[in-house]
């Protein structure tokens, strides 16, 4: 039964990185998170890019990507034996392996498995130089049941990041009508492969969702600021601040998430923490142009992308 579930879940959960590479945009049937109220809430401006601009850039970024990072999958279902559980993908290079601890069944996710059928999508806003895109798909091709897929994130120039929520409804082999929700985030891109030689700062956007509680599945957004120093052999401080709930158009109950003294390896990867409070990211592009990654903390599963600033001071 769970091997069947894993097979059902694998296909749509791959999709968010591409953020809608094909299909026609439409306003029908969706409650978009954009609008004047959203711009005011997030202190953002109207999208500086059209979706077509991001789409053209996305194809190049996707082709060059040599890294894929997934957060944990937070799964909620109507199955009486498994109402809520946690699956932690293990990623290396552009490949992630997902293991169901109950059965030992595994699924391997490669960037080439990512689907390019994403239905409706729209640029929402621009904040800190990052234009975000929301995408919907109410049924993915090749699946016999019902899937409601949603993602929110952005393509930068060397990396991409997104949060995704996926709803399933379908029949298991034993006839059980399964309904489930999977909430997760992911990042991909072309790695720099080194770390900076001195202090460096990146500023951008974080996206996320709550994976439990009354607001689970709502889309969150905040500011992302990262500072690298050579202290301790090379470490990163990451701050995600001014977090708001875009669906409810109000400040989120958790306004900030921070990670301090995150070790950065010589190849530009950084990670710290464990289940419930962890961060995993990397530096992307020539000259460490971008910093992106995934995190889990305070009931939020999120992703972030930020561009390097030549001269910037970020409040601790």
Protein backbone atom coordinates (compact mmCIF):
# COMPACT_ATOMS: atom_id res chain seq x y z
CA UNK A 1 0.00 0.00 0.00
CA UNK A 2 2.69 2.48 0.90
CA UNK A 3 4.77 1.61 -2.13
CA UNK A 4 1.67 2.53 -4.10
CA UNK A 5 1.38 5.78 -2.18
CA UNK A 6 5.02 6.58 -2.83
CA UNK A 7 4.51 6.01 -6.54
CA UNK A 8 1.46 8.26 -6.53
CA UNK A 9 3.22 11.05 -4.68
CA UNK A 10 6.48 11.08 -6.56
CA UNK A 11 5.25 12.46 -9.88
CA UNK A 12 3.64 15.74 -8.82
CA UNK A 13 6.06 16.48 -6.03
CA UNK A 14 8.83 16.87 -8.61
CA UNK A 15 7.21 19.77 -10.33
CA UNK A 16 7.79 22.97 -8.40
CA UNK A 17 11.36 23.66 -9.48
CA UNK A 18 10.29 24.37 -13.04
CA UNK A 19 7.50 26.74 -11.92
CA UNK A 20 5.41 26.37 -15.06
CA UNK A 21 7.41 25.99 -18.22
CA UNK A 22 4.45 25.51 -20.53
CA UNK A 23 0.74 26.01 -20.95
CA UNK A 24 -1.42 29.11 -21.06
CA UNK A 25 -1.91 31.40 -18.10
CA UNK A 26 -5.44 31.99 -16.93
CA UNK A 27 -7.25 33.82 -14.15
CA UNK A 28 -10.06 31.26 -13.91
CA UNK A 29 -10.60 29.03 -10.90
CA UNK A 30 -7.81 30.32 -8.65
CA UNK A 31 -7.46 32.76 -5.78
CA UNK A 32 -4.19 34.47 -6.67
CA UNK A 33 -2.14 35.95 -3.84
CA UNK A 34 -1.27 39.14 -5.73
CA UNK A 35 -2.86 42.58 -5.83
CA UNK A 36 -2.46 45.99 -4.24
CA UNK A 37 -3.06 44.67 -0.72
CA UNK A 38 -0.31 42.07 -1.16
CA UNK A 39 2.13 44.68 -2.45
CA UNK A 40 1.45 46.87 0.55
CA UNK A 41 1.69 43.99 3.03
CA UNK A 42 5.05 42.83 1.66
CA UNK A 43 6.40 46.30 0.89
CA UNK A 44 6.88 45.12 -2.66
CA UNK A 45 6.36 46.62 -6.10
CA UNK A 46 4.49 45.29 -9.12
CA UNK A 47 6.31 42.47 -10.95
CA UNK A 48 9.37 43.80 -12.76
CA UNK A 49 9.37 40.78 -15.07
CA UNK A 50 6.75 39.04 -17.13
CA UNK A 51 6.40 35.31 -16.84
CA UNK A 52 7.80 34.95 -20.36
CA UNK A 53 11.04 36.63 -19.26
CA UNK A 54 11.46 34.19 -16.39
CA UNK A 55 10.50 31.28 -18.61
CA UNK A 56 13.24 32.07 -21.11
CA UNK A 57 15.83 32.36 -18.34
CA UNK A 58 14.51 29.26 -16.59
CA UNK A 59 15.30 26.96 -19.48
CA UNK A 60 18.96 27.96 -19.38
CA UNK A 61 19.18 27.66 -15.59
CA UNK A 62 17.50 24.26 -15.69
CA UNK A 63 19.86 22.94 -18.37
CA UNK A 64 22.96 23.98 -16.39
CA UNK A 65 21.73 22.90 -12.95
CA UNK A 66 23.99 20.47 -11.10
CA UNK A 67 22.31 20.65 -7.69
CA UNK A 68 18.89 19.76 -6.32
CA UNK A 69 17.88 20.19 -2.68
CA UNK A 70 14.56 19.10 -1.17
CA UNK A 71 13.15 19.87 2.24
CA UNK A 72 11.33 17.18 4.13
CA UNK A 73 7.91 16.20 2.80
CA UNK A 74 5.26 16.88 5.45
CA UNK A 75 2.42 14.51 4.61
CA UNK A 76 -1.13 14.63 5.97
CA UNK A 77 -3.68 12.01 4.90
CA UNK A 78 -7.09 10.54 5.70
CA UNK A 79 -5.59 7.09 6.22
CA UNK A 80 -6.31 6.03 9.84
CA UNK A 81 -2.90 4.40 10.28
CA UNK A 82 -0.87 7.25 8.82
CA UNK A 83 -2.63 10.57 9.45
CA UNK A 84 0.56 12.62 9.50
CA UNK A 85 4.16 11.74 8.76
CA UNK A 86 7.53 13.08 7.69
CA UNK A 87 9.69 11.92 4.78
CA UNK A 88 13.23 13.30 4.48
CA UNK A 89 14.81 13.16 1.00
CA UNK A 90 18.58 12.66 0.82
CA UNK A 91 20.15 14.73 -1.96
CA UNK A 92 23.52 14.53 -3.71
CA UNK A 93 24.27 16.60 -6.79
CA UNK A 94 21.16 16.81 -9.00
CA UNK A 95 19.62 13.63 -7.51
CA UNK A 96 17.46 13.14 -4.41
CA UNK A 97 16.39 9.79 -2.96
CA UNK A 98 13.13 9.52 -1.03
CA UNK A 99 12.69 6.56 1.33
CA UNK A 100 9.48 5.46 3.00
CA UNK A 101 10.71 4.35 6.42
CA UNK A 102 7.67 2.14 6.96
CA UNK A 103 8.22 -0.12 3.94
CA UNK A 104 11.75 0.67 2.80
CA UNK A 105 10.46 1.61 -0.65
CA UNK A 106 12.51 4.30 -2.37
CA UNK A 107 12.08 6.72 -5.24
CA UNK A 108 14.89 8.59 -6.99
CA UNK A 109 14.29 12.14 -8.20
CA UNK A 110 16.55 13.57 -10.90
CA UNK A 111 16.18 17.03 -12.39
CA UNK A 112 15.23 15.38 -15.69
CA UNK A 113 12.21 13.85 -13.99
CA UNK A 114 10.75 17.31 -13.47
CA UNK A 115 7.52 17.78 -15.39
CA UNK A 116 6.91 20.82 -17.58
CA UNK A 117 3.12 20.84 -17.41
CA UNK A 118 2.09 23.35 -14.79
CA UNK A 119 -1.16 24.93 -15.91
CA UNK A 120 -1.82 28.50 -14.86
CA UNK A 121 0.91 30.82 -13.62
CA UNK A 122 1.37 34.48 -12.95
CA UNK A 123 4.12 36.84 -11.70
CA UNK A 124 2.99 38.24 -8.34
CA UNK A 125 5.43 40.89 -7.10
CA UNK A 126 9.04 42.07 -6.96
CA UNK A 127 10.84 42.39 -3.64
CA UNK A 128 14.60 42.91 -3.12
CA UNK A 129 15.11 42.49 -6.85
CA UNK A 130 13.37 39.10 -6.96
CA UNK A 131 10.17 38.59 -8.98
CA UNK A 132 8.00 35.79 -7.63
CA UNK A 133 5.67 33.54 -9.64
CA UNK A 134 2.63 31.57 -8.49
CA UNK A 135 1.63 28.44 -10.40
CA UNK A 136 -1.40 26.13 -10.26
CA UNK A 137 -2.26 22.83 -11.87
CA UNK A 138 -5.52 21.07 -11.00
CA UNK A 139 -4.61 17.82 -12.74
CA UNK A 140 -1.24 16.57 -13.89
CA UNK A 141 -1.02 14.41 -16.99
CA UNK A 142 -0.30 10.72 -16.49
CA UNK A 143 -2.04 10.41 -13.15
CA UNK A 144 -5.33 8.52 -12.87
CA UNK A 145 -6.65 10.37 -9.84
CA UNK A 146 -7.03 14.03 -8.92
CA UNK A 147 -4.11 16.30 -8.13
CA UNK A 148 -4.25 19.94 -7.08
CA UNK A 149 -0.75 21.38 -7.31
CA UNK A 150 0.42 24.83 -6.28
CA UNK A 151 3.86 26.42 -6.15
CA UNK A 152 5.30 29.83 -5.33
CA UNK A 153 8.87 30.93 -5.94
CA UNK A 154 11.25 32.40 -8.49
CA UNK A 155 13.87 31.73 -11.13
CA UNK A 156 16.98 33.79 -10.49
CA UNK A 157 19.91 33.80 -12.95
CA UNK A 158 21.76 30.77 -11.61
CA UNK A 159 19.27 29.12 -9.27
CA UNK A 160 15.58 28.65 -8.56
CA UNK A 161 13.58 28.17 -5.37
CA UNK A 162 9.95 27.34 -4.54
CA UNK A 163 7.51 26.13 -1.93
CA UNK A 164 4.92 23.61 -3.07
CA UNK A 165 1.66 22.17 -1.80
CA UNK A 166 0.13 19.13 -3.46
CA UNK A 167 -3.30 17.58 -2.82
CA UNK A 168 -4.06 14.03 -3.97
CA UNK A 169 -7.20 11.98 -4.26
CA UNK A 170 -7.05 8.46 -5.67
CA UNK A 171 -7.72 4.77 -5.12
CA UNK A 172 -5.14 2.51 -3.48
CA UNK A 173 -4.78 -1.11 -4.52
CA UNK A 174 -6.92 -2.25 -1.58
CA UNK A 175 -9.75 0.08 -2.66
CA UNK A 176 -9.13 2.72 -0.01
CA UNK A 177 -9.90 6.23 -1.29
CA UNK A 178 -6.78 8.12 -0.26
CA UNK A 179 -6.76 11.87 0.18
CA UNK A 180 -3.49 13.47 1.20
CA UNK A 181 -1.56 16.72 1.28
CA UNK A 182 2.18 17.07 0.82
CA UNK A 183 3.96 20.30 1.76
CA UNK A 184 7.61 20.87 0.92
CA UNK A 185 10.17 23.20 -0.66
CA UNK A 186 13.08 22.82 -3.05
CA UNK A 187 16.02 24.58 -4.68
CA UNK A 188 18.17 23.88 -7.71
CA UNK A 189 20.83 25.58 -9.78
CA UNK A 190 24.42 25.76 -11.02
CA UNK A 191 26.80 25.60 -8.07
CA UNK A 192 29.70 28.02 -7.71
CA UNK A 193 31.82 25.26 -6.19
CA UNK A 194 33.81 27.51 -3.83
CA UNK A 195 33.19 29.85 -0.92
CA UNK A 196 34.05 33.55 -0.75
CA UNK A 197 37.48 34.68 0.44
CA UNK A 198 36.02 37.37 2.70
CA UNK A 199 32.76 38.78 4.04
CA UNK A 200 29.83 38.62 1.61
CA UNK A 201 26.13 39.52 1.84
CA UNK A 202 23.11 38.33 -0.13
CA UNK A 203 19.60 39.74 -0.01
CA UNK A 204 16.39 38.34 -1.50
CA UNK A 205 13.13 36.57 -0.69
CA UNK A 206 12.00 33.56 1.33
CA UNK A 207 8.84 31.60 0.58
CA UNK A 208 7.19 28.94 2.68
CA UNK A 209 4.12 27.34 4.14
CA UNK A 210 3.03 26.05 7.53
CA UNK A 211 2.89 22.26 7.60
CA UNK A 212 0.55 21.89 10.60
CA UNK A 213 -2.10 23.89 12.42
CA UNK A 214 -5.04 25.99 11.22
CA UNK A 215 -3.09 27.86 8.53
CA UNK A 216 -1.31 24.83 7.05
CA UNK A 217 -0.88 25.09 3.31
CA UNK A 218 -1.09 28.89 3.26
CA UNK A 219 1.67 30.62 1.29
CA UNK A 220 4.15 32.66 3.33
CA UNK A 221 6.70 35.21 2.20
CA UNK A 222 9.45 37.19 3.91
CA UNK A 223 12.77 38.90 3.35
CA UNK A 224 15.95 36.83 3.17
CA UNK A 225 19.37 38.14 4.24
CA UNK A 226 22.53 36.05 4.47
CA UNK A 227 26.00 37.07 5.68
CA UNK A 228 29.16 35.01 5.18
CA UNK A 229 32.28 35.59 7.24
CA UNK A 230 35.54 33.68 7.61
CA UNK A 231 34.94 33.35 11.35
CA UNK A 232 35.26 29.78 12.55
CA UNK A 233 36.72 28.69 9.23
CA UNK A 234 33.77 30.05 7.22
CA UNK A 235 30.20 30.43 8.43
CA UNK A 236 26.85 31.86 7.36
CA UNK A 237 24.17 33.75 9.29
CA UNK A 238 20.70 33.61 7.69
CA UNK A 239 17.72 35.73 8.69
CA UNK A 240 14.19 35.42 7.29
CA UNK A 241 12.20 38.38 8.53
CA UNK A 242 8.90 40.25 8.12
CA UNK A 243 7.14 36.96 7.33
CA UNK A 244 3.55 37.41 6.16
CA UNK A 245 0.69 35.11 5.14
CA UNK A 246 -0.15 35.93 1.52
CA UNK A 247 -3.38 33.92 1.45
CA UNK A 248 -4.80 35.71 4.47
CA UNK A 249 -3.05 38.99 3.69
CA UNK A 250 -1.83 39.51 7.21
CA UNK A 251 1.40 39.19 9.22
CA UNK A 252 2.25 35.60 10.09
CA UNK A 253 2.32 34.60 13.76
CA UNK A 254 6.03 33.78 13.37
CA UNK A 255 7.61 36.97 12.09
CA UNK A 256 11.24 35.80 11.86
CA UNK A 257 13.37 32.66 11.57
CA UNK A 258 17.14 32.83 12.04
CA UNK A 259 20.11 30.50 11.76
CA UNK A 260 23.54 31.52 13.08
CA UNK A 261 27.05 30.17 12.66
CA UNK A 262 26.09 27.79 9.87
CA UNK A 263 29.31 26.09 8.68
CA UNK A 264 30.17 26.69 5.00
CA UNK A 265 32.33 24.07 3.33
CA UNK A 266 35.07 24.88 0.83
CA UNK A 267 32.73 24.01 -2.05
CA UNK A 268 30.17 26.63 -0.96
CA UNK A 269 27.57 24.35 0.64
CA UNK A 270 26.18 25.13 4.08
CA UNK A 271 23.96 23.21 6.45
CA UNK A 272 23.09 23.01 10.12
CA UNK A 273 20.49 21.49 12.40
CA UNK A 274 18.14 18.54 12.29
CA UNK A 275 14.49 17.66 12.04
CA UNK A 276 12.31 20.61 12.99
CA UNK A 277 15.03 23.27 12.78
CA UNK A 278 17.51 22.97 9.96
CA UNK A 279 18.91 24.84 6.95
CA UNK A 280 20.62 23.48 3.86
CA UNK A 281 21.80 25.63 1.00
CA UNK A 282 24.60 26.52 -1.39
CA UNK A 283 26.19 29.32 -3.40
CA UNK A 284 25.36 29.52 -7.09
CA UNK A 285 26.74 31.19 -10.18
CA UNK A 286 30.08 32.87 -10.97
CA UNK A 287 31.48 35.01 -8.20
CA UNK A 288 29.04 33.50 -5.67
CA UNK A 289 26.32 35.58 -7.33
CA UNK A 290 23.43 33.87 -5.54
CA UNK A 291 22.70 32.08 -2.28
CA UNK A 292 19.71 29.74 -2.12
CA UNK A 293 18.46 26.88 0.00
CA UNK A 294 15.71 25.21 2.01
CA UNK A 295 14.85 25.36 5.70
CA UNK A 296 12.47 23.97 8.33
CA UNK A 297 11.73 25.82 11.57
CA UNK A 298 8.86 26.88 13.84
CA UNK A 299 6.24 24.96 11.82
CA UNK A 300 7.45 26.51 8.56
CA UNK A 301 8.93 24.63 5.63
CA UNK A 302 10.49 27.11 3.26
CA UNK A 303 12.98 28.02 0.55
CA UNK A 304 14.91 31.15 -0.27
CA UNK A 305 16.91 32.82 -3.00
CA UNK A 306 19.09 35.91 -2.75
CA UNK A 307 21.54 37.91 -4.85
CA UNK A 308 24.96 39.04 -3.69
CA UNK A 309 25.34 42.70 -2.83
CA UNK A 310 28.61 44.51 -3.39
CA UNK A 311 28.31 46.71 -0.32
CA UNK A 312 25.56 46.04 2.21
CA UNK A 313 25.09 45.96 5.93
CA UNK A 314 22.44 43.60 7.34
CA UNK A 315 21.16 44.06 10.88
CA UNK A 316 22.00 41.15 13.18
